[in-house]
Protein backbone atom coordinates (compact mmCIF):
# COMPACT_ATOMS: atom_id res chain seq x y z
CA MET A 1 -28.30 14.69 -27.55
CA ASP A 2 -26.73 18.27 -28.63
CA ASP A 3 -23.58 19.42 -27.94
CA ALA A 4 -24.96 22.03 -25.22
CA SER A 5 -26.26 19.32 -23.42
CA MET A 6 -23.44 16.99 -23.74
CA ARG A 7 -21.14 19.87 -22.36
CA ARG A 8 -23.40 20.28 -19.57
CA LEU A 9 -23.18 16.41 -18.72
CA LEU A 10 -19.50 16.61 -19.22
CA GLU A 11 -19.07 19.49 -16.82
CA HIS A 12 -21.70 18.03 -13.93
CA ALA A 13 -19.85 14.45 -14.58
CA PHE A 14 -16.16 16.19 -14.06
CA GLU A 15 -17.70 17.81 -10.88
CA LEU A 16 -18.29 14.79 -9.40
CA HIS A 17 -15.27 13.13 -10.68
CA LEU A 18 -13.16 16.08 -8.43
CA GLY A 19 -15.73 15.89 -5.53
CA THR A 20 -15.58 12.10 -5.17
CA SER A 21 -11.87 11.78 -5.89
CA THR A 22 -10.38 14.24 -3.83
CA ARG A 23 -12.24 12.78 -0.86
CA SER A 24 -12.57 8.96 -1.75
CA ALA A 25 -15.66 8.44 -2.08
CA ARG A 26 -17.47 6.92 1.23
CA GLY A 27 -18.49 3.20 0.37
CA PHE A 28 -16.05 3.45 -2.56
CA PRO A 29 -12.96 1.19 -0.78
CA TYR A 30 -10.39 1.41 -3.71
CA PRO A 31 -6.70 3.09 -3.85
CA ARG A 32 -7.70 6.84 -5.16
CA ALA A 33 -5.82 5.63 -8.49
CA SER A 34 -8.60 3.34 -8.96
CA ASN A 35 -11.07 5.78 -8.17
CA GLU A 36 -10.04 8.03 -11.31
CA ASP A 37 -10.03 5.56 -13.57
CA ALA A 38 -13.39 4.47 -12.49
CA TRP A 39 -14.63 7.51 -12.53
CA GLN A 40 -13.42 8.16 -16.35
CA GLU A 41 -14.50 4.70 -17.51
CA ALA A 42 -18.31 6.23 -16.38
CA CYS A 43 -18.00 9.32 -17.68
CA LEU A 44 -16.86 7.95 -20.87
CA ALA A 45 -20.15 5.66 -20.83
CA ALA A 46 -22.07 8.17 -20.32
CA LEU A 47 -21.08 10.10 -22.81
CA LEU A 48 -20.74 7.07 -24.99
CA HIS A 49 -24.42 6.12 -24.30
CA PRO A 50 -26.43 9.27 -22.63
CA GLU A 51 -29.64 7.04 -23.57
CA ARG A 52 -28.78 5.08 -20.90
CA VAL A 53 -28.25 7.78 -17.70
CA GLY A 54 -31.00 8.02 -15.75
CA GLU A 55 -30.24 10.04 -12.59
CA LEU A 56 -26.89 11.25 -13.44
CA ASP A 57 -25.29 11.31 -9.58
CA SER A 58 -26.37 7.79 -8.87
CA TRP A 59 -25.72 6.28 -12.32
CA LEU A 60 -21.74 7.64 -12.49
CA ALA A 61 -21.02 6.29 -8.78
CA GLU A 62 -22.97 3.11 -9.75
CA SER A 63 -21.07 2.67 -12.91
CA ALA A 64 -17.76 3.73 -11.57
CA ARG A 65 -18.37 0.87 -8.35
CA GLY A 66 -18.69 -1.63 -11.33
CA VAL A 67 -15.87 -0.32 -13.03
CA ALA A 68 -13.80 -0.60 -9.83
CA ASP A 69 -14.97 -3.85 -9.00
CA HIS A 70 -14.40 -5.38 -12.58
CA ALA A 71 -10.42 -4.10 -12.11
CA LEU A 72 -10.45 -5.14 -8.45
CA HIS A 73 -11.48 -9.05 -9.72
CA GLY A 74 -9.12 -8.84 -12.47
CA GLU A 75 -6.30 -7.92 -10.29
CA ARG A 76 -6.98 -10.57 -7.39
CA ASP A 77 -7.32 -13.03 -10.81
CA ARG A 78 -3.74 -12.05 -11.89
CA ARG A 79 -2.12 -12.37 -8.33
CA GLU A 80 -3.80 -15.97 -7.72
CA ARG A 81 -2.71 -17.03 -11.44
CA GLU A 82 1.00 -15.26 -10.29
CA LYS A 83 0.49 -17.69 -6.80
CA ARG A 84 0.02 -20.78 -9.27
CA THR A 85 2.85 -19.97 -11.26
CA ALA A 86 5.39 -19.59 -8.49
CA ARG A 87 4.45 -22.92 -6.94
CA ALA A 88 5.37 -24.51 -9.91
CA GLU A 89 8.47 -22.90 -10.24
CA ALA A 90 9.40 -23.44 -6.45
CA GLN A 91 12.76 -23.17 -5.44
CA PRO A 92 14.60 -24.65 -2.38
CA SER A 93 14.53 -22.97 0.68
CA ALA A 94 17.89 -21.52 2.24
CA ILE A 95 18.45 -24.24 4.87
CA ASP A 96 18.40 -27.06 1.88
CA VAL A 97 20.70 -24.97 0.32
CA ILE A 98 23.33 -24.21 3.04
CA VAL A 99 22.90 -28.30 3.88
CA GLY A 100 23.37 -29.06 0.40
CA HIS A 101 26.56 -26.70 0.25
CA GLU A 102 27.86 -28.25 3.42
CA LEU A 103 27.39 -32.02 2.47
CA LEU A 104 29.35 -31.16 -0.83
CA ALA A 105 32.06 -29.21 1.12
CA PHE A 106 32.58 -32.36 3.19
CA THR A 107 32.62 -34.61 0.56
CA LEU A 108 34.93 -33.13 -1.52
CA PHE A 109 37.32 -32.15 1.95
CA CYS A 110 37.51 -35.97 3.06
CA GLY A 111 37.70 -37.03 -0.56
CA GLY A 112 34.40 -38.89 -0.45
CA CYS A 113 32.45 -40.87 1.90
CA PRO A 114 33.47 -43.32 4.42
CA LYS A 115 33.86 -47.08 3.21
């Protein structure tokens, strides 16, 4: 691909990106920042591998969707890992802490348990 073709491809991809990111494309249910990241990744892929690009509009949309899906699954996996870790480090409930302090105070105040 010559420089002029590459420039046209980049300009067209940028126009698509602007149009899509400003209205958060229908069927693209991700936060705007994710949309922009996905479009940037798709445009980069198009520039690095122009031979894989067929119909640019549909290819960019499909590529961006794939990048966003990958990011979404990665985020979900990260949250699940954090949940598992948090469960392993579980802290006592507030009521357990209060009851424990009350029992300790009672024991210290009374001089020990009744005999």
